[in-house]
């Protein structure tokens, strides 16, 4: 009897590894976002808070990467299936984005930061080429497949300049920023057309609407770093992000009614990006309103990420994740 139970447990663990999704890296994006938001808070925030968050996020990155590496070695066909999937494909750049975000978090340790940035930028570039080639030479995409997760490959390119400009790689940073900005506008048109004129997103994908916030928010942070301050184009990026946040928060009851999915982590990073962008606006303008908004956003973000961590742990313990869809 005990042998049967042991065999059943082994089979169950193998099944969970087989169905371990690449979208787990969105957890690292969310945790990195809240880490950077607290780092941006500055004084009087204790430096220990962002430091401990950085270590925890790095540990989570190592754990998730290890699990996915084992999946790649044991079930390479399952990874190939994800690469061919019209939605899951877009989450592969979440790995390179996680590296890029961690490079920002580790900026006080230049060698670690540069190593993470270099690996993240190279992988991001390769994945951008792969994903866009898949879109162009598609054989299975329809308009119904268009959803906000398509912005994920774009956001990664916009993140590159945050650390790139820190290390004075100006032209490389502008190269990635240009790719991200132009294709964000292209994809924004496609995704909005799909949302306006076709069926609503499935409940599982609805939290991804928050990804709309990420490109202009991250774009503002990157652009202001590249130009060294605030100009009118930077204002356009920030206020687009602010408007989108108001649009999404006006529909908050729709999101609250949704059950928890792994895709619920899509709430976290975009809100974190807007929080950081708002802090930069306060630093540039010294207007108290932006500081008040920042404090409200970082409070919401912290509670949101805490809820996501608790719900994810409960879902993992209950075996609700890593199941075939």
C-alpha atoms as a PDB file:
ATOM      1  CA  UNK A   1       0.000   0.000   0.000  1.00  0.00           C
ATOM      2  CA  UNK A   2       2.805   2.402   0.907  1.00  0.00           C
ATOM      3  CA  UNK A   3       4.536   1.642  -2.414  1.00  0.00           C
ATOM      4  CA  UNK A   4       1.363   2.550  -4.294  1.00  0.00           C
ATOM      5  CA  UNK A   5       1.094   5.846  -2.396  1.00  0.00           C
ATOM      6  CA  UNK A   6       4.772   6.583  -3.054  1.00  0.00           C
ATOM      7  CA  UNK A   7       4.383   5.873  -6.768  1.00  0.00           C
ATOM      8  CA  UNK A   8       1.281   8.064  -6.887  1.00  0.00           C
ATOM      9  CA  UNK A   9       3.196  10.902  -5.201  1.00  0.00           C
ATOM     10  CA  UNK A  10       6.079  10.595  -7.666  1.00  0.00           C
ATOM     11  CA  UNK A  11       3.702  10.662 -10.624  1.00  0.00           C
ATOM     12  CA  UNK A  12       1.937  13.720  -9.179  1.00  0.00           C
ATOM     13  CA  UNK A  13       5.244  15.580  -8.727  1.00  0.00           C
ATOM     14  CA  UNK A  14       6.320  14.675 -12.263  1.00  0.00           C
ATOM     15  CA  UNK A  15       2.992  15.938 -13.599  1.00  0.00           C
ATOM     16  CA  UNK A  16       3.363  19.251 -11.750  1.00  0.00           C
ATOM     17  CA  UNK A  17       6.860  19.712 -13.162  1.00  0.00           C
ATOM     18  CA  UNK A  18       5.612  18.868 -16.649  1.00  0.00           C
ATOM     19  CA  UNK A  19       2.965  21.592 -16.355  1.00  0.00           C
ATOM     20  CA  UNK A  20       5.211  24.147 -14.593  1.00  0.00           C
ATOM     21  CA  UNK A  21       4.468  27.261 -16.708  1.00  0.00           C
ATOM     22  CA  UNK A  22       6.989  29.824 -17.889  1.00  0.00           C
ATOM     23  CA  UNK A  23       4.560  32.473 -16.615  1.00  0.00           C
ATOM     24  CA  UNK A  24       5.900  31.750 -13.101  1.00  0.00           C
ATOM     25  CA  UNK A  25       8.588  34.313 -13.930  1.00  0.00           C
ATOM     26  CA  UNK A  26       5.884  36.992 -13.676  1.00  0.00           C
ATOM     27  CA  UNK A  27       6.178  36.454  -9.906  1.00  0.00           C
ATOM     28  CA  UNK A  28       9.792  37.635 -10.059  1.00  0.00           C
ATOM     29  CA  UNK A  29       8.702  40.660 -12.075  1.00  0.00           C
ATOM     30  CA  UNK A  30       6.160  41.580  -9.411  1.00  0.00           C
ATOM     31  CA  UNK A  31       8.567  41.068  -6.518  1.00  0.00           C
ATOM     32  CA  UNK A  32      11.267  43.036  -8.343  1.00  0.00           C
ATOM     33  CA  UNK A  33       8.786  45.831  -8.895  1.00  0.00           C
ATOM     34  CA  UNK A  34       7.898  46.180  -5.216  1.00  0.00           C
ATOM     35  CA  UNK A  35      11.608  45.971  -4.341  1.00  0.00           C
ATOM     36  CA  UNK A  36      12.447  48.845  -6.679  1.00  0.00           C
ATOM     37  CA  UNK A  37       9.458  50.867  -5.468  1.00  0.00           C
ATOM     38  CA  UNK A  38      10.693  50.660  -1.875  1.00  0.00           C
ATOM     39  CA  UNK A  39      14.219  51.434  -3.043  1.00  0.00           C
ATOM     40  CA  UNK A  40      12.879  54.528  -4.810  1.00  0.00           C
ATOM     41  CA  UNK A  41      11.125  55.620  -1.612  1.00  0.00           C
ATOM     42  CA  UNK A  42      14.476  56.623  -0.105  1.00  0.00           C
ATOM     43  CA  UNK A  43      14.645  58.262   3.309  1.00  0.00           C
ATOM     44  CA  UNK A  44      13.129  57.856   5.880  1.00  0.00           C
ATOM     45  CA  UNK A  45      12.482  54.277   4.675  1.00  0.00           C
ATOM     46  CA  UNK A  46      14.963  51.905   6.377  1.00  0.00           C
ATOM     47  CA  UNK A  47      17.489  50.625   3.820  1.00  0.00           C
ATOM     48  CA  UNK A  48      16.965  47.126   5.212  1.00  0.00           C
ATOM     49  CA  UNK A  49      13.490  46.902   3.626  1.00  0.00           C
ATOM     50  CA  UNK A  50      14.528  47.092  -0.058  1.00  0.00           C
ATOM     51  CA  UNK A  51      17.689  45.081   0.719  1.00  0.00           C
ATOM     52  CA  UNK A  52      15.752  42.176   2.242  1.00  0.00           C
ATOM     53  CA  UNK A  53      13.197  42.349  -0.564  1.00  0.00           C
ATOM     54  CA  UNK A  54      16.058  42.227  -3.083  1.00  0.00           C
ATOM     55  CA  UNK A  55      17.520  39.103  -1.472  1.00  0.00           C
ATOM     56  CA  UNK A  56      14.110  37.424  -1.282  1.00  0.00           C
ATOM     57  CA  UNK A  57      13.351  38.249  -4.918  1.00  0.00           C
ATOM     58  CA  UNK A  58      16.746  36.936  -6.010  1.00  0.00           C
ATOM     59  CA  UNK A  59      16.100  33.691  -4.114  1.00  0.00           C
ATOM     60  CA  UNK A  60      12.696  33.291  -5.771  1.00  0.00           C
ATOM     61  CA  UNK A  61      14.354  33.883  -9.156  1.00  0.00           C
ATOM     62  CA  UNK A  62      16.896  31.127  -8.465  1.00  0.00           C
ATOM     63  CA  UNK A  63      14.181  28.694  -7.344  1.00  0.00           C
ATOM     64  CA  UNK A  64      11.883  29.310 -10.324  1.00  0.00           C
ATOM     65  CA  UNK A  65      14.789  29.210 -12.784  1.00  0.00           C
ATOM     66  CA  UNK A  66      15.949  25.914 -11.275  1.00  0.00           C
ATOM     67  CA  UNK A  67      12.511  24.343 -11.613  1.00  0.00           C
ATOM     68  CA  UNK A  68      12.152  25.499 -15.198  1.00  0.00           C
ATOM     69  CA  UNK A  69      15.675  24.330 -16.060  1.00  0.00           C
ATOM     70  CA  UNK A  70      14.808  20.855 -14.753  1.00  0.00           C
ATOM     71  CA  UNK A  71      11.625  20.941 -16.819  1.00  0.00           C
ATOM     72  CA  UNK A  72      13.667  21.884 -19.890  1.00  0.00           C
ATOM     73  CA  UNK A  73      16.021  18.954 -19.316  1.00  0.00           C
ATOM     74  CA  UNK A  74      13.346  16.361 -18.521  1.00  0.00           C
ATOM     75  CA  UNK A  75      10.459  17.536 -20.693  1.00  0.00           C
ATOM     76  CA  UNK A  76      11.924  19.527 -23.616  1.00  0.00           C
ATOM     77  CA  UNK A  77       8.843  18.809 -25.730  1.00  0.00           C
ATOM     78  CA  UNK A  78       6.664  20.554 -23.123  1.00  0.00           C
ATOM     79  CA  UNK A  79       8.877  23.653 -23.333  1.00  0.00           C
ATOM     80  CA  UNK A  80       8.622  23.565 -27.134  1.00  0.00           C
ATOM     81  CA  UNK A  81       4.835  23.371 -26.795  1.00  0.00           C
ATOM     82  CA  UNK A  82       4.918  26.565 -24.718  1.00  0.00           C
ATOM     83  CA  UNK A  83       7.107  28.246 -27.338  1.00  0.00           C
ATOM     84  CA  UNK A  84       4.495  27.404 -29.962  1.00  0.00           C
ATOM     85  CA  UNK A  85       1.548  28.490 -27.810  1.00  0.00           C
ATOM     86  CA  UNK A  86       0.029  31.832 -28.964  1.00  0.00           C
ATOM     87  CA  UNK A  87      -0.268  33.163 -25.383  1.00  0.00           C
ATOM     88  CA  UNK A  88       2.438  31.399 -23.352  1.00  0.00           C
ATOM     89  CA  UNK A  89       5.079  32.352 -25.903  1.00  0.00           C
ATOM     90  CA  UNK A  90       4.834  35.952 -24.697  1.00  0.00           C
ATOM     91  CA  UNK A  91       5.891  34.979 -21.168  1.00  0.00           C
ATOM     92  CA  UNK A  92       9.346  33.708 -22.129  1.00  0.00           C
ATOM     93  CA  UNK A  93      10.710  37.289 -22.092  1.00  0.00           C
ATOM     94  CA  UNK A  94       9.538  37.460 -18.461  1.00  0.00           C
ATOM     95  CA  UNK A  95      12.767  35.571 -17.710  1.00  0.00           C
ATOM     96  CA  UNK A  96      14.999  38.190 -19.336  1.00  0.00           C
ATOM     97  CA  UNK A  97      12.885  40.996 -17.861  1.00  0.00           C
ATOM     98  CA  UNK A  98      13.421  39.482 -14.410  1.00  0.00           C
ATOM     99  CA  UNK A  99      17.186  39.569 -14.992  1.00  0.00           C
ATOM    100  CA  UNK A 100      16.984  43.198 -16.122  1.00  0.00           C
ATOM    101  CA  UNK A 101      14.898  44.222 -13.117  1.00  0.00           C
ATOM    102  CA  UNK A 102      17.275  42.450 -10.759  1.00  0.00           C
ATOM    103  CA  UNK A 103      20.137  44.336 -12.417  1.00  0.00           C
ATOM    104  CA  UNK A 104      18.405  47.568 -11.363  1.00  0.00           C
ATOM    105  CA  UNK A 105      17.870  46.248  -7.837  1.00  0.00           C
ATOM    106  CA  UNK A 106      21.564  45.278  -7.559  1.00  0.00           C
ATOM    107  CA  UNK A 107      22.912  48.589  -8.958  1.00  0.00           C
ATOM    108  CA  UNK A 108      24.807  49.270  -5.729  1.00  0.00           C
ATOM    109  CA  UNK A 109      26.883  46.175  -6.543  1.00  0.00           C
ATOM    110  CA  UNK A 110      28.181  47.094  -9.978  1.00  0.00           C
ATOM    111  CA  UNK A 111      29.697  43.766 -11.058  1.00  0.00           C
ATOM    112  CA  UNK A 112      26.573  41.776 -10.183  1.00  0.00           C
ATOM    113  CA  UNK A 113      24.358  44.434 -11.734  1.00  0.00           C
ATOM    114  CA  UNK A 114      26.348  44.542 -14.970  1.00  0.00           C
ATOM    115  CA  UNK A 115      26.383  40.750 -15.288  1.00  0.00           C
ATOM    116  CA  UNK A 116      22.618  40.554 -14.812  1.00  0.00           C
ATOM    117  CA  UNK A 117      22.065  43.440 -17.231  1.00  0.00           C
ATOM    118  CA  UNK A 118      24.290  41.971 -19.948  1.00  0.00           C
ATOM    119  CA  UNK A 119      22.676  38.522 -19.744  1.00  0.00           C
ATOM    120  CA  UNK A 120      19.201  40.048 -19.605  1.00  0.00           C
ATOM    121  CA  UNK A 121      19.789  42.376 -22.567  1.00  0.00           C
ATOM    122  CA  UNK A 122      21.229  39.634 -24.800  1.00  0.00           C
ATOM    123  CA  UNK A 123      18.458  37.163 -23.955  1.00  0.00           C
ATOM    124  CA  UNK A 124      15.832  39.889 -24.337  1.00  0.00           C
ATOM    125  CA  UNK A 125      17.103  40.785 -27.805  1.00  0.00           C
ATOM    126  CA  UNK A 126      17.107  37.139 -28.916  1.00  0.00           C
ATOM    127  CA  UNK A 127      13.616  36.540 -27.537  1.00  0.00           C
ATOM    128  CA  UNK A 128      12.315  39.716 -29.181  1.00  0.00           C
ATOM    129  CA  UNK A 129      13.571  38.471 -32.545  1.00  0.00           C
ATOM    130  CA  UNK A 130      12.049  35.040 -31.948  1.00  0.00           C
ATOM    131  CA  UNK A 131       8.655  36.301 -30.773  1.00  0.00           C
ATOM    132  CA  UNK A 132       8.311  38.875 -33.547  1.00  0.00           C
ATOM    133  CA  UNK A 133       9.374  36.316 -36.161  1.00  0.00           C
ATOM    134  CA  UNK A 134       6.679  34.029 -34.787  1.00  0.00           C
ATOM    135  CA  UNK A 135       4.100  36.805 -35.154  1.00  0.00           C
ATOM    136  CA  UNK A 136       5.170  37.607 -38.716  1.00  0.00           C
ATOM    137  CA  UNK A 137       5.443  34.035 -40.003  1.00  0.00           C
ATOM    138  CA  UNK A 138       2.447  32.791 -38.063  1.00  0.00           C
ATOM    139  CA  UNK A 139       0.306  29.857 -39.033  1.00  0.00           C
ATOM    140  CA  UNK A 140      -1.994  29.701 -36.017  1.00  0.00           C
ATOM    141  CA  UNK A 141      -2.611  33.256 -34.764  1.00  0.00           C
ATOM    142  CA  UNK A 142      -6.026  34.875 -34.904  1.00  0.00           C
ATOM    143  CA  UNK A 143      -7.144  38.257 -33.595  1.00  0.00           C
ATOM    144  CA  UNK A 144      -8.690  36.521 -30.575  1.00  0.00           C
ATOM    145  CA  UNK A 145      -5.160  35.581 -29.473  1.00  0.00           C
ATOM    146  CA  UNK A 146      -4.224  39.264 -29.130  1.00  0.00           C
ATOM    147  CA  UNK A 147      -4.156  40.243 -25.467  1.00  0.00           C
ATOM    148  CA  UNK A 148      -2.101  42.500 -23.182  1.00  0.00           C
ATOM    149  CA  UNK A 149       0.517  39.766 -22.625  1.00  0.00           C
ATOM    150  CA  UNK A 150       1.775  40.712 -26.093  1.00  0.00           C
ATOM    151  CA  UNK A 151       3.282  43.799 -24.437  1.00  0.00           C
ATOM    152  CA  UNK A 152       5.650  41.688 -22.304  1.00  0.00           C
ATOM    153  CA  UNK A 153       8.310  41.240 -25.029  1.00  0.00           C
ATOM    154  CA  UNK A 154       8.082  44.998 -25.683  1.00  0.00           C
ATOM    155  CA  UNK A 155       8.417  46.039 -22.032  1.00  0.00           C
ATOM    156  CA  UNK A 156      11.706  44.169 -21.730  1.00  0.00           C
ATOM    157  CA  UNK A 157      13.319  46.366 -24.367  1.00  0.00           C
ATOM    158  CA  UNK A 158      12.164  49.519 -22.593  1.00  0.00           C
ATOM    159  CA  UNK A 159      13.694  48.302 -19.304  1.00  0.00           C
ATOM    160  CA  UNK A 160      17.188  47.830 -20.773  1.00  0.00           C
ATOM    161  CA  UNK A 161      18.095  51.581 -20.662  1.00  0.00           C
ATOM    162  CA  UNK A 162      17.424  51.879 -16.916  1.00  0.00           C
ATOM    163  CA  UNK A 163      20.655  50.057 -16.092  1.00  0.00           C
ATOM    164  CA  UNK A 164      22.225  50.638 -19.515  1.00  0.00           C
ATOM    165  CA  UNK A 165      22.318  54.399 -19.046  1.00  0.00           C
ATOM    166  CA  UNK A 166      23.707  53.865 -15.537  1.00  0.00           C
ATOM    167  CA  UNK A 167      26.716  52.104 -17.092  1.00  0.00           C
ATOM    168  CA  UNK A 168      26.957  54.758 -19.857  1.00  0.00           C
ATOM    169  CA  UNK A 169      25.901  52.445 -22.681  1.00  0.00           C
ATOM    170  CA  UNK A 170      23.955  55.300 -24.237  1.00  0.00           C
ATOM    171  CA  UNK A 171      23.578  54.117 -27.840  1.00  0.00           C
ATOM    172  CA  UNK A 172      22.712  50.556 -26.828  1.00  0.00           C
ATOM    173  CA  UNK A 173      20.098  51.974 -24.461  1.00  0.00           C
ATOM    174  CA  UNK A 174      18.547  54.143 -27.180  1.00  0.00           C
ATOM    175  CA  UNK A 175      18.518  51.137 -29.515  1.00  0.00           C
ATOM    176  CA  UNK A 176      16.444  49.056 -27.116  1.00  0.00           C
ATOM    177  CA  UNK A 177      14.251  51.991 -26.085  1.00  0.00           C
ATOM    178  CA  UNK A 178      13.402  52.739 -29.727  1.00  0.00           C
ATOM    179  CA  UNK A 179      12.386  49.128 -30.384  1.00  0.00           C
ATOM    180  CA  UNK A 180      10.185  49.036 -27.319  1.00  0.00           C
ATOM    181  CA  UNK A 181       8.523  52.401 -27.890  1.00  0.00           C
ATOM    182  CA  UNK A 182       7.628  51.903 -31.563  1.00  0.00           C
ATOM    183  CA  UNK A 183       6.278  48.391 -31.182  1.00  0.00           C
ATOM    184  CA  UNK A 184       4.375  49.353 -28.032  1.00  0.00           C
ATOM    185  CA  UNK A 185       2.372  51.810 -30.141  1.00  0.00           C
ATOM    186  CA  UNK A 186       1.814  49.192 -32.854  1.00  0.00           C
ATOM    187  CA  UNK A 187       0.678  46.530 -30.382  1.00  0.00           C
ATOM    188  CA  UNK A 188      -1.446  49.022 -28.446  1.00  0.00           C
ATOM    189  CA  UNK A 189      -3.517  49.597 -31.580  1.00  0.00           C
ATOM    190  CA  UNK A 190      -3.938  45.867 -32.209  1.00  0.00           C
ATOM    191  CA  UNK A 191      -4.816  44.999 -28.609  1.00  0.00           C
ATOM    192  CA  UNK A 192      -7.294  47.872 -28.202  1.00  0.00           C
ATOM    193  CA  UNK A 193      -8.983  46.915 -31.478  1.00  0.00           C
ATOM    194  CA  UNK A 194      -9.365  43.366 -30.190  1.00  0.00           C
ATOM    195  CA  UNK A 195     -10.730  44.579 -26.830  1.00  0.00           C
ATOM    196  CA  UNK A 196     -13.178  47.045 -28.413  1.00  0.00           C
ATOM    197  CA  UNK A 197     -14.623  44.941 -31.210  1.00  0.00           C
ATOM    198  CA  UNK A 198     -14.260  41.296 -30.213  1.00  0.00           C
ATOM    199  CA  UNK A 199     -15.312  39.077 -27.339  1.00  0.00           C
ATOM    200  CA  UNK A 200     -14.097  39.992 -23.815  1.00  0.00           C
ATOM    201  CA  UNK A 201     -10.952  38.408 -22.454  1.00  0.00           C
ATOM    202  CA  UNK A 202     -11.427  35.096 -20.620  1.00  0.00           C
ATOM    203  CA  UNK A 203     -11.465  35.483 -16.827  1.00  0.00           C
ATOM    204  CA  UNK A 204      -8.024  33.869 -16.590  1.00  0.00           C
ATOM    205  CA  UNK A 205      -6.533  36.573 -18.835  1.00  0.00           C
ATOM    206  CA  UNK A 206      -8.483  39.561 -17.479  1.00  0.00           C
ATOM    207  CA  UNK A 207      -5.831  40.566 -14.876  1.00  0.00           C
ATOM    208  CA  UNK A 208      -3.463  41.086 -17.805  1.00  0.00           C
ATOM    209  CA  UNK A 209      -5.320  44.291 -18.639  1.00  0.00           C
ATOM    210  CA  UNK A 210      -3.044  45.896 -16.049  1.00  0.00           C
ATOM    211  CA  UNK A 211      -0.111  45.224 -18.377  1.00  0.00           C
ATOM    212  CA  UNK A 212      -1.402  48.208 -20.389  1.00  0.00           C
ATOM    213  CA  UNK A 213       0.114  50.335 -17.611  1.00  0.00           C
ATOM    214  CA  UNK A 214       3.617  48.954 -17.926  1.00  0.00           C
ATOM    215  CA  UNK A 215       4.997  50.331 -21.235  1.00  0.00           C
ATOM    216  CA  UNK A 216       4.282  54.045 -20.616  1.00  0.00           C
ATOM    217  CA  UNK A 217       5.274  53.806 -16.933  1.00  0.00           C
ATOM    218  CA  UNK A 218       8.554  52.014 -17.613  1.00  0.00           C
ATOM    219  CA  UNK A 219       9.009  54.160 -20.709  1.00  0.00           C
ATOM    220  CA  UNK A 220       8.888  57.315 -18.602  1.00  0.00           C
ATOM    221  CA  UNK A 221      11.459  55.960 -16.134  1.00  0.00           C
ATOM    222  CA  UNK A 222      13.803  54.885 -18.948  1.00  0.00           C
ATOM    223  CA  UNK A 223      13.352  58.021 -21.036  1.00  0.00           C
ATOM    224  CA  UNK A 224      13.924  60.413 -18.146  1.00  0.00           C
ATOM    225  CA  UNK A 225      17.136  58.527 -17.370  1.00  0.00           C
ATOM    226  CA  UNK A 226      18.303  58.765 -20.973  1.00  0.00           C
ATOM    227  CA  UNK A 227      17.660  62.509 -21.313  1.00  0.00           C
ATOM    228  CA  UNK A 228      18.645  63.307 -17.740  1.00  0.00           C
ATOM    229  CA  UNK A 229      15.451  65.009 -16.658  1.00  0.00           C
ATOM    230  CA  UNK A 230      11.825  65.820 -17.402  1.00  0.00           C
ATOM    231  CA  UNK A 231      10.674  67.161 -20.759  1.00  0.00           C
ATOM    232  CA  UNK A 232       7.344  67.309 -22.567  1.00  0.00           C
ATOM    233  CA  UNK A 233       7.621  63.849 -24.132  1.00  0.00           C
ATOM    234  CA  UNK A 234       8.343  62.439 -20.691  1.00  0.00           C
ATOM    235  CA  UNK A 235       5.199  64.152 -19.432  1.00  0.00           C
ATOM    236  CA  UNK A 236       3.184  62.543 -22.250  1.00  0.00           C
ATOM    237  CA  UNK A 237       4.420  59.086 -21.246  1.00  0.00           C
ATOM    238  CA  UNK A 238       3.671  59.633 -17.567  1.00  0.00           C
ATOM    239  CA  UNK A 239       0.213  61.097 -18.064  1.00  0.00           C
ATOM    240  CA  UNK A 240      -0.781  58.301 -20.459  1.00  0.00           C
ATOM    241  CA  UNK A 241       0.187  55.869 -17.707  1.00  0.00           C
ATOM    242  CA  UNK A 242      -1.737  57.901 -15.141  1.00  0.00           C
ATOM    243  CA  UNK A 243      -4.864  57.947 -17.317  1.00  0.00           C
ATOM    244  CA  UNK A 244      -4.675  54.187 -17.892  1.00  0.00           C
ATOM    245  CA  UNK A 245      -4.343  53.656 -14.148  1.00  0.00           C
ATOM    246  CA  UNK A 246      -7.486  55.710 -13.531  1.00  0.00           C
ATOM    247  CA  UNK A 247      -9.306  53.729 -16.213  1.00  0.00           C
ATOM    248  CA  UNK A 248      -8.293  50.422 -14.629  1.00  0.00           C
ATOM    249  CA  UNK A 249      -8.986  51.505 -11.053  1.00  0.00           C
ATOM    250  CA  UNK A 250     -12.444  52.714 -12.091  1.00  0.00           C
ATOM    251  CA  UNK A 251     -13.154  49.065 -12.937  1.00  0.00           C
ATOM    252  CA  UNK A 252     -11.690  47.743  -9.695  1.00  0.00           C
ATOM    253  CA  UNK A 253     -14.869  45.839  -8.734  1.00  0.00           C
ATOM    254  CA  UNK A 254     -14.591  43.747 -11.894  1.00  0.00           C
ATOM    255  CA  UNK A 255     -11.078  42.697 -10.881  1.00  0.00           C
ATOM    256  CA  UNK A 256     -11.988  42.069  -7.234  1.00  0.00           C
ATOM    257  CA  UNK A 257     -14.696  39.606  -8.291  1.00  0.00           C
ATOM    258  CA  UNK A 258     -12.201  37.485 -10.221  1.00  0.00           C
ATOM    259  CA  UNK A 259     -10.825  34.327  -8.584  1.00  0.00           C
ATOM    260  CA  UNK A 260      -7.087  33.990  -8.059  1.00  0.00           C
ATOM    261  CA  UNK A 261      -5.041  32.819 -11.042  1.00  0.00           C
ATOM    262  CA  UNK A 262      -1.300  32.755 -11.582  1.00  0.00           C
ATOM    263  CA  UNK A 263      -2.025  35.536 -14.077  1.00  0.00           C
ATOM    264  CA  UNK A 264      -3.138  37.684 -11.110  1.00  0.00           C
ATOM    265  CA  UNK A 265       0.549  38.563 -10.730  1.00  0.00           C
ATOM    266  CA  UNK A 266      -0.025  40.766 -13.790  1.00  0.00           C
ATOM    267  CA  UNK A 267      -1.451  43.335 -11.365  1.00  0.00           C
ATOM    268  CA  UNK A 268       1.828  43.785  -9.524  1.00  0.00           C
ATOM    269  CA  UNK A 269       4.615  44.888 -11.860  1.00  0.00           C
ATOM    270  CA  UNK A 270       2.585  47.517 -13.773  1.00  0.00           C
ATOM    271  CA  UNK A 271       1.418  49.093 -10.498  1.00  0.00           C
ATOM    272  CA  UNK A 272       5.023  49.048  -9.285  1.00  0.00           C
ATOM    273  CA  UNK A 273       6.185  50.717 -12.500  1.00  0.00           C
ATOM    274  CA  UNK A 274       3.603  53.494 -12.084  1.00  0.00           C
ATOM    275  CA  UNK A 275       4.624  53.897  -8.435  1.00  0.00           C
ATOM    276  CA  UNK A 276       8.284  54.378  -9.389  1.00  0.00           C
ATOM    277  CA  UNK A 277       7.346  56.733 -12.235  1.00  0.00           C
ATOM    278  CA  UNK A 278       5.279  58.817  -9.808  1.00  0.00           C
ATOM    279  CA  UNK A 279       8.223  59.082  -7.412  1.00  0.00           C
ATOM    280  CA  UNK A 280      10.386  60.332 -10.281  1.00  0.00           C
ATOM    281  CA  UNK A 281       7.721  62.903 -11.178  1.00  0.00           C
ATOM    282  CA  UNK A 282       7.824  64.167  -7.603  1.00  0.00           C
ATOM    283  CA  UNK A 283      11.630  64.374  -7.746  1.00  0.00           C
ATOM    284  CA  UNK A 284      11.478  66.342 -11.005  1.00  0.00           C
ATOM    285  CA  UNK A 285       8.618  68.711 -10.124  1.00  0.00           C
ATOM    286  CA  UNK A 286       8.659  68.856  -6.288  1.00  0.00           C
ATOM    287  CA  UNK A 287       4.849  69.014  -6.403  1.00  0.00           C
ATOM    288  CA  UNK A 288       3.421  67.577  -3.137  1.00  0.00           C
ATOM    289  CA  UNK A 289       0.540  65.944  -5.029  1.00  0.00           C
ATOM    290  CA  UNK A 290       2.924  63.473  -6.659  1.00  0.00           C
ATOM    291  CA  UNK A 291       4.404  62.552  -3.285  1.00  0.00           C
ATOM    292  CA  UNK A 292       0.937  61.908  -1.860  1.00  0.00           C
ATOM    293  CA  UNK A 293       0.092  59.795  -4.904  1.00  0.00           C
ATOM    294  CA  UNK A 294       3.361  57.884  -4.525  1.00  0.00           C
ATOM    295  CA  UNK A 295       2.648  57.071  -0.885  1.00  0.00           C
ATOM    296  CA  UNK A 296      -0.854  55.877  -1.787  1.00  0.00           C
ATOM    297  CA  UNK A 297       0.454  53.732  -4.641  1.00  0.00           C
ATOM    298  CA  UNK A 298       3.263  52.124  -2.647  1.00  0.00           C
ATOM    299  CA  UNK A 299       0.782  51.253   0.101  1.00  0.00           C
ATOM    300  CA  UNK A 300      -1.592  49.668  -2.419  1.00  0.00           C
ATOM    301  CA  UNK A 301       1.308  47.884  -4.118  1.00  0.00           C
ATOM    302  CA  UNK A 302       2.658  46.447  -0.856  1.00  0.00           C
ATOM    303  CA  UNK A 303      -0.742  45.106   0.198  1.00  0.00           C
ATOM    304  CA  UNK A 304      -1.337  43.750  -3.296  1.00  0.00           C
ATOM    305  CA  UNK A 305       1.966  41.860  -3.418  1.00  0.00           C
ATOM    306  CA  UNK A 306       1.432  40.520   0.105  1.00  0.00           C
ATOM    307  CA  UNK A 307      -1.981  39.185  -0.978  1.00  0.00           C
ATOM    308  CA  UNK A 308      -0.482  37.660  -4.120  1.00  0.00           C
ATOM    309  CA  UNK A 309       2.276  35.916  -2.148  1.00  0.00           C
ATOM    310  CA  UNK A 310      -0.215  34.476   0.358  1.00  0.00           C
ATOM    311  CA  UNK A 311      -2.633  33.318  -2.343  1.00  0.00           C
ATOM    312  CA  UNK A 312       0.191  31.804  -4.392  1.00  0.00           C
ATOM    313  CA  UNK A 313       1.493  29.858  -1.391  1.00  0.00           C
ATOM    314  CA  UNK A 314      -2.009  28.577  -0.659  1.00  0.00           C
ATOM    315  CA  UNK A 315      -2.496  27.575  -4.296  1.00  0.00           C
ATOM    316  CA  UNK A 316       0.846  25.735  -4.379  1.00  0.00           C
ATOM    317  CA  UNK A 317       0.059  23.838  -1.165  1.00  0.00           C
ATOM    318  CA  UNK A 318      -3.415  22.953  -2.448  1.00  0.00           C
ATOM    319  CA  UNK A 319      -1.997  21.759  -5.769  1.00  0.00           C
ATOM    320  CA  UNK A 320      -4.056  24.289  -7.716  1.00  0.00           C
ATOM    321  CA  UNK A 321      -1.144  25.405  -9.893  1.00  0.00           C
ATOM    322  CA  UNK A 322       0.898  23.467 -12.464  1.00  0.00           C
ATOM    323  CA  UNK A 323      -2.125  21.644 -13.780  1.00  0.00           C
ATOM    324  CA  UNK A 324      -2.976  20.909 -17.417  1.00  0.00           C
ATOM    325  CA  UNK A 325      -5.301  23.556 -18.867  1.00  0.00           C
END
